Amino acid sequence: MYRKLTLLTLSLVVVTLYNCTTNTIDEGDIEDLPPIVEKVTYDDDVEAIITANCVGCHSGPNANAGLQLTGYANVRAAAEQGNLLNRVNNGSNPMPPGGQLPPATRQILDQWATDGYLEN
């Protein structure tokens, strides 16, 4: 009986913690934001987003999914191939795995693609 109660309690804790780390607050949608009128560049706008949210898992010899996101060339290649932008904008399976980035941050990444992946 004690084992069943312990297992049930442990399961409840795991489910609760999992839900706490993957739930996101509905902050609206990119379409609800005013358009970005200035050119978005990697050096000024995108690099800080990638460094803060992606490089921890996507760098070095054991980069997750073999996806290197260090440096302009790697980030641009990932964005052009669709790996980066599709996962960042995917509401059901987002990157980073802790939850989808805020709409304003995703808008910057999308605008960078629209502007032609400018470096600086």
N, C-alpha and C. Protein backbone atom coordinates (compact mmCIF):
# COMPACT_ATOMS: atom_id res chain seq x y z
N MET A 1 0.82 -1.18 0.00
CA MET A 1 0.00 0.00 0.00
C MET A 1 0.87 1.26 0.00
N TYR A 2 1.93 1.24 0.82
CA TYR A 2 2.82 2.39 0.92
C TYR A 2 3.50 2.67 -0.42
N ARG A 3 3.88 1.60 -1.13
CA ARG A 3 4.52 1.75 -2.44
C ARG A 3 3.59 2.40 -3.44
N LYS A 4 2.33 2.00 -3.44
CA LYS A 4 1.36 2.57 -4.38
C LYS A 4 1.16 4.06 -4.10
N LEU A 5 1.07 4.40 -2.84
CA LEU A 5 0.88 5.80 -2.46
C LEU A 5 2.10 6.63 -2.85
N THR A 6 3.28 6.09 -2.63
CA THR A 6 4.51 6.78 -3.00
C THR A 6 4.59 6.96 -4.51
N LEU A 7 4.27 5.93 -5.27
CA LEU A 7 4.29 5.99 -6.73
C LEU A 7 3.27 7.01 -7.24
N LEU A 8 2.10 7.00 -6.66
CA LEU A 8 1.06 7.96 -7.06
C LEU A 8 1.50 9.39 -6.76
N THR A 9 2.07 9.61 -5.60
CA THR A 9 2.54 10.95 -5.23
C THR A 9 3.66 11.40 -6.15
N LEU A 10 4.60 10.53 -6.42
CA LEU A 10 5.71 10.85 -7.32
C LEU A 10 5.21 11.17 -8.72
N SER A 11 4.26 10.40 -9.20
CA SER A 11 3.68 10.66 -10.52
C SER A 11 3.00 12.01 -10.58
N LEU A 12 2.27 12.34 -9.54
CA LEU A 12 1.59 13.62 -9.47
C LEU A 12 2.60 14.77 -9.47
N VAL A 13 3.68 14.64 -8.75
CA VAL A 13 4.72 15.66 -8.71
C VAL A 13 5.36 15.83 -10.09
N VAL A 14 5.68 14.75 -10.75
CA VAL A 14 6.30 14.80 -12.08
C VAL A 14 5.37 15.48 -13.07
N VAL A 15 4.11 15.11 -13.09
CA VAL A 15 3.15 15.72 -14.00
C VAL A 15 3.01 17.20 -13.73
N THR A 16 2.94 17.58 -12.48
CA THR A 16 2.82 18.99 -12.11
C THR A 16 4.04 19.78 -12.55
N LEU A 17 5.22 19.27 -12.28
CA LEU A 17 6.44 19.97 -12.68
C LEU A 17 6.56 20.06 -14.19
N TYR A 18 6.19 19.01 -14.90
CA TYR A 18 6.24 19.04 -16.35
C TYR A 18 5.33 20.13 -16.90
N ASN A 19 4.13 20.21 -16.37
CA ASN A 19 3.18 21.22 -16.83
C ASN A 19 3.67 22.63 -16.51
N CYS A 20 4.34 22.80 -15.41
CA CYS A 20 4.85 24.12 -15.04
C CYS A 20 5.95 24.59 -15.97
N THR A 21 6.72 23.66 -16.51
CA THR A 21 7.84 24.05 -17.35
C THR A 21 7.47 24.18 -18.81
N THR A 22 6.31 23.69 -19.24
CA THR A 22 5.98 23.76 -20.65
C THR A 22 4.80 24.67 -20.95
N ASN A 23 4.08 25.10 -19.94
CA ASN A 23 2.96 26.00 -20.19
C ASN A 23 3.48 27.38 -20.55
N THR A 24 2.78 28.06 -21.44
CA THR A 24 3.14 29.41 -21.81
C THR A 24 1.95 30.32 -21.60
N ILE A 25 2.25 31.57 -21.39
CA ILE A 25 1.20 32.57 -21.24
C ILE A 25 0.85 33.07 -22.63
N ASP A 26 -0.42 33.15 -22.93
CA ASP A 26 -0.83 33.65 -24.23
C ASP A 26 -0.54 35.14 -24.30
N GLU A 27 0.48 35.49 -25.07
CA GLU A 27 0.88 36.89 -25.19
C GLU A 27 0.41 37.48 -26.50
N GLY A 28 -0.55 36.87 -27.14
CA GLY A 28 -1.00 37.35 -28.43
C GLY A 28 -0.27 36.67 -29.56
N ASP A 29 -0.38 37.24 -30.72
CA ASP A 29 0.22 36.65 -31.91
C ASP A 29 1.06 37.70 -32.62
N ILE A 30 1.95 37.25 -33.48
CA ILE A 30 2.80 38.16 -34.23
C ILE A 30 1.94 39.12 -35.06
N GLU A 31 0.86 38.63 -35.60
CA GLU A 31 -0.01 39.46 -36.43
C GLU A 31 -0.63 40.62 -35.65
N ASP A 32 -0.70 40.50 -34.32
CA ASP A 32 -1.28 41.55 -33.48
C ASP A 32 -0.30 42.69 -33.22
N LEU A 33 0.97 42.51 -33.55
CA LEU A 33 2.00 43.51 -33.27
C LEU A 33 2.11 44.52 -34.40
N PRO A 34 2.53 45.74 -34.08
CA PRO A 34 2.78 46.69 -35.16
C PRO A 34 3.96 46.21 -36.00
N PRO A 35 3.97 46.51 -37.29
CA PRO A 35 5.07 46.03 -38.14
C PRO A 35 6.41 46.67 -37.74
N ILE A 36 7.47 45.94 -37.98
CA ILE A 36 8.82 46.46 -37.75
C ILE A 36 9.19 47.26 -39.00
N VAL A 37 9.56 48.52 -38.82
CA VAL A 37 9.85 49.37 -39.99
C VAL A 37 11.34 49.49 -40.27
N GLU A 38 12.19 49.21 -39.29
CA GLU A 38 13.62 49.27 -39.49
C GLU A 38 14.14 47.91 -39.94
N LYS A 39 15.25 47.92 -40.68
CA LYS A 39 15.86 46.66 -41.10
C LYS A 39 16.37 45.91 -39.88
N VAL A 40 16.15 44.61 -39.87
CA VAL A 40 16.62 43.75 -38.79
C VAL A 40 17.91 43.10 -39.27
N THR A 41 18.96 43.17 -38.44
CA THR A 41 20.24 42.56 -38.80
C THR A 41 20.65 41.56 -37.73
N TYR A 42 21.50 40.65 -38.14
CA TYR A 42 22.00 39.63 -37.22
C TYR A 42 22.76 40.29 -36.08
N ASP A 43 23.71 41.15 -36.40
CA ASP A 43 24.57 41.75 -35.37
C ASP A 43 23.78 42.58 -34.37
N ASP A 44 22.82 43.36 -34.83
CA ASP A 44 22.10 44.29 -33.95
C ASP A 44 20.91 43.65 -33.24
N ASP A 45 20.28 42.67 -33.85
CA ASP A 45 19.00 42.19 -33.33
C ASP A 45 18.93 40.68 -33.06
N VAL A 46 19.45 39.89 -33.95
CA VAL A 46 19.24 38.43 -33.91
C VAL A 46 20.25 37.72 -33.02
N GLU A 47 21.49 38.13 -33.05
CA GLU A 47 22.54 37.43 -32.31
C GLU A 47 22.22 37.30 -30.83
N ALA A 48 21.74 38.37 -30.22
CA ALA A 48 21.42 38.34 -28.78
C ALA A 48 20.29 37.35 -28.49
N ILE A 49 19.31 37.27 -29.39
CA ILE A 49 18.20 36.32 -29.21
C ILE A 49 18.71 34.89 -29.27
N ILE A 50 19.53 34.60 -30.26
CA ILE A 50 20.06 33.25 -30.44
C ILE A 50 20.97 32.89 -29.27
N THR A 51 21.82 33.82 -28.84
CA THR A 51 22.73 33.55 -27.73
C THR A 51 21.96 33.27 -26.45
N ALA A 52 20.93 34.05 -26.18
CA ALA A 52 20.17 33.89 -24.94
C ALA A 52 19.27 32.66 -24.93
N ASN A 53 18.81 32.21 -26.10
CA ASN A 53 17.78 31.17 -26.13
C ASN A 53 18.19 29.86 -26.80
N CYS A 54 19.26 29.85 -27.58
CA CYS A 54 19.54 28.67 -28.41
C CYS A 54 20.94 28.08 -28.23
N VAL A 55 21.92 28.93 -28.04
CA VAL A 55 23.31 28.47 -28.06
C VAL A 55 23.63 27.48 -26.94
N GLY A 56 22.93 27.57 -25.83
CA GLY A 56 23.19 26.65 -24.73
C GLY A 56 23.06 25.19 -25.14
N CYS A 57 22.13 24.90 -26.04
CA CYS A 57 21.91 23.51 -26.49
C CYS A 57 22.45 23.25 -27.90
N HIS A 58 22.58 24.31 -28.68
CA HIS A 58 22.95 24.14 -30.08
C HIS A 58 24.33 24.73 -30.38
N SER A 59 25.32 24.22 -29.66
CA SER A 59 26.70 24.62 -29.90
C SER A 59 27.63 23.50 -29.45
N GLY A 60 28.85 23.58 -29.89
CA GLY A 60 29.85 22.61 -29.48
C GLY A 60 29.74 21.29 -30.21
N PRO A 61 30.58 20.33 -29.82
CA PRO A 61 30.62 19.05 -30.53
C PRO A 61 29.37 18.19 -30.34
N ASN A 62 28.61 18.43 -29.29
CA ASN A 62 27.40 17.64 -29.04
C ASN A 62 26.13 18.48 -29.19
N ALA A 63 26.11 19.36 -30.17
CA ALA A 63 24.95 20.22 -30.37
C ALA A 63 23.70 19.38 -30.60
N ASN A 64 22.61 19.75 -29.93
CA ASN A 64 21.35 19.01 -30.10
C ASN A 64 20.94 18.99 -31.56
N ALA A 65 20.51 17.82 -32.01
CA ALA A 65 20.06 17.58 -33.39
C ALA A 65 21.15 17.92 -34.40
N GLY A 66 22.39 18.03 -33.96
CA GLY A 66 23.48 18.37 -34.86
C GLY A 66 23.38 19.79 -35.40
N LEU A 67 22.54 20.61 -34.79
CA LEU A 67 22.29 21.96 -35.27
C LEU A 67 23.17 22.95 -34.52
N GLN A 68 24.14 23.50 -35.22
CA GLN A 68 25.04 24.51 -34.66
C GLN A 68 24.44 25.89 -34.88
N LEU A 69 24.27 26.64 -33.82
CA LEU A 69 23.74 27.99 -33.94
C LEU A 69 24.71 29.02 -33.39
N THR A 70 25.98 28.77 -33.64
CA THR A 70 27.01 29.73 -33.25
C THR A 70 27.47 30.44 -34.51
N GLY A 71 27.39 31.74 -34.50
CA GLY A 71 27.87 32.54 -35.61
C GLY A 71 26.83 32.77 -36.69
N TYR A 72 27.03 33.86 -37.40
CA TYR A 72 26.10 34.29 -38.43
C TYR A 72 25.84 33.21 -39.49
N ALA A 73 26.90 32.61 -40.02
CA ALA A 73 26.74 31.65 -41.12
C ALA A 73 25.87 30.46 -40.72
N ASN A 74 26.08 29.93 -39.51
CA ASN A 74 25.29 28.78 -39.06
C ASN A 74 23.83 29.16 -38.80
N VAL A 75 23.61 30.31 -38.20
CA VAL A 75 22.24 30.74 -37.91
C VAL A 75 21.50 31.03 -39.21
N ARG A 76 22.16 31.69 -40.14
CA ARG A 76 21.52 31.97 -41.42
C ARG A 76 21.17 30.68 -42.15
N ALA A 77 22.09 29.73 -42.18
CA ALA A 77 21.82 28.45 -42.86
C ALA A 77 20.63 27.75 -42.22
N ALA A 78 20.56 27.74 -40.90
CA ALA A 78 19.43 27.09 -40.21
C ALA A 78 18.12 27.81 -40.51
N ALA A 79 18.17 29.13 -40.59
CA ALA A 79 16.96 29.90 -40.89
C ALA A 79 16.52 29.68 -42.34
N GLU A 80 17.46 29.69 -43.27
CA GLU A 80 17.12 29.49 -44.68
C GLU A 80 16.57 28.10 -44.95
N GLN A 81 17.07 27.11 -44.24
CA GLN A 81 16.58 25.74 -44.41
C GLN A 81 15.24 25.52 -43.73
N GLY A 82 14.83 26.45 -42.91
CA GLY A 82 13.55 26.34 -42.23
C GLY A 82 13.62 25.72 -40.86
N ASN A 83 14.75 25.12 -40.50
CA ASN A 83 14.86 24.47 -39.19
C ASN A 83 14.64 25.45 -38.05
N LEU A 84 15.26 26.58 -38.11
CA LEU A 84 15.21 27.53 -37.01
C LEU A 84 13.84 28.20 -36.90
N LEU A 85 13.40 28.84 -37.96
CA LEU A 85 12.16 29.62 -37.89
C LEU A 85 10.93 28.74 -37.71
N ASN A 86 10.92 27.57 -38.33
CA ASN A 86 9.77 26.68 -38.16
C ASN A 86 9.63 26.22 -36.71
N ARG A 87 10.72 25.87 -36.08
CA ARG A 87 10.65 25.39 -34.69
C ARG A 87 10.36 26.52 -33.72
N VAL A 88 10.93 27.70 -33.96
CA VAL A 88 10.68 28.83 -33.08
C VAL A 88 9.20 29.22 -33.13
N ASN A 89 8.59 29.11 -34.30
CA ASN A 89 7.19 29.51 -34.48
C ASN A 89 6.20 28.38 -34.26
N ASN A 90 6.67 27.18 -33.97
CA ASN A 90 5.80 26.03 -33.79
C ASN A 90 5.21 26.04 -32.38
N GLY A 91 3.93 26.30 -32.28
CA GLY A 91 3.28 26.39 -30.98
C GLY A 91 3.16 25.07 -30.25
N SER A 92 3.08 23.96 -30.99
CA SER A 92 2.90 22.66 -30.34
C SER A 92 4.21 21.97 -30.00
N ASN A 93 5.29 22.32 -30.66
CA ASN A 93 6.60 21.72 -30.40
C ASN A 93 7.67 22.80 -30.56
N PRO A 94 7.64 23.81 -29.68
CA PRO A 94 8.50 24.97 -29.90
C PRO A 94 9.94 24.78 -29.46
N MET A 95 10.76 25.61 -29.98
CA MET A 95 12.11 25.79 -29.49
C MET A 95 12.17 27.22 -28.99
N PRO A 96 12.73 27.43 -27.85
CA PRO A 96 13.30 26.45 -26.93
C PRO A 96 12.21 25.58 -26.30
N PRO A 97 12.60 24.42 -25.81
CA PRO A 97 11.62 23.47 -25.30
C PRO A 97 10.86 23.95 -24.07
N GLY A 98 11.36 24.94 -23.38
CA GLY A 98 10.67 25.47 -22.20
C GLY A 98 9.43 26.27 -22.53
N GLY A 99 9.24 26.59 -23.79
CA GLY A 99 8.07 27.34 -24.21
C GLY A 99 8.40 28.29 -25.34
N GLN A 100 7.42 28.60 -26.10
CA GLN A 100 7.58 29.45 -27.27
C GLN A 100 8.07 30.84 -26.86
N LEU A 101 8.96 31.39 -27.68
CA LEU A 101 9.45 32.73 -27.44
C LEU A 101 8.31 33.74 -27.56
N PRO A 102 8.42 34.89 -26.91
CA PRO A 102 7.37 35.90 -27.02
C PRO A 102 7.16 36.34 -28.47
N PRO A 103 5.95 36.77 -28.81
CA PRO A 103 5.66 37.17 -30.18
C PRO A 103 6.60 38.25 -30.72
N ALA A 104 6.97 39.23 -29.91
CA ALA A 104 7.86 40.29 -30.39
C ALA A 104 9.24 39.73 -30.77
N THR A 105 9.71 38.74 -30.05
CA THR A 105 11.00 38.12 -30.36
C THR A 105 10.90 37.31 -31.64
N ARG A 106 9.83 36.55 -31.78
CA ARG A 106 9.62 35.78 -33.00
C ARG A 106 9.44 36.69 -34.21
N GLN A 107 8.81 37.84 -34.00
CA GLN A 107 8.62 38.80 -35.08
C GLN A 107 9.97 39.31 -35.59
N ILE A 108 10.89 39.54 -34.68
CA ILE A 108 12.23 40.00 -35.08
C ILE A 108 12.90 38.95 -35.96
N LEU A 109 12.82 37.68 -35.56
CA LEU A 109 13.44 36.61 -36.36
C LEU A 109 12.77 36.49 -37.73
N ASP A 110 11.46 36.57 -37.77
CA ASP A 110 10.75 36.50 -39.04
C ASP A 110 11.09 37.69 -39.93
N GLN A 111 11.21 38.87 -39.34
CA GLN A 111 11.53 40.07 -40.12
C GLN A 111 12.95 39.99 -40.65
N TRP A 112 13.85 39.38 -39.89
CA TRP A 112 15.22 39.18 -40.35
C TRP A 112 15.21 38.36 -41.64
N ALA A 113 14.40 37.32 -41.68
CA ALA A 113 14.28 36.52 -42.90
C ALA A 113 13.69 37.35 -44.03
N THR A 114 12.65 38.10 -43.75
CA THR A 114 12.01 38.93 -44.76
C THR A 114 12.99 39.97 -45.32
N ASP A 115 13.82 40.52 -44.45
CA ASP A 115 14.80 41.53 -44.87
C ASP A 115 15.99 40.94 -45.62
N GLY A 116 16.08 39.63 -45.69
CA GLY A 116 17.17 39.00 -46.46
C GLY A 116 18.35 38.54 -45.66
N TYR A 117 18.14 38.24 -44.36
CA TYR A 117 19.20 37.71 -43.50
C TYR A 117 20.43 38.62 -43.46
N LEU A 118 20.20 39.90 -43.24
CA LEU A 118 21.30 40.87 -43.19
C LEU A 118 22.21 40.59 -42.00
N GLU A 119 23.52 40.75 -42.21
CA GLU A 119 24.46 40.48 -41.13
C GLU A 119 24.65 41.71 -40.24
N ASN A 120 24.88 42.87 -40.84
CA ASN A 120 25.05 44.09 -40.03
C ASN A 120 24.61 45.31 -40.80
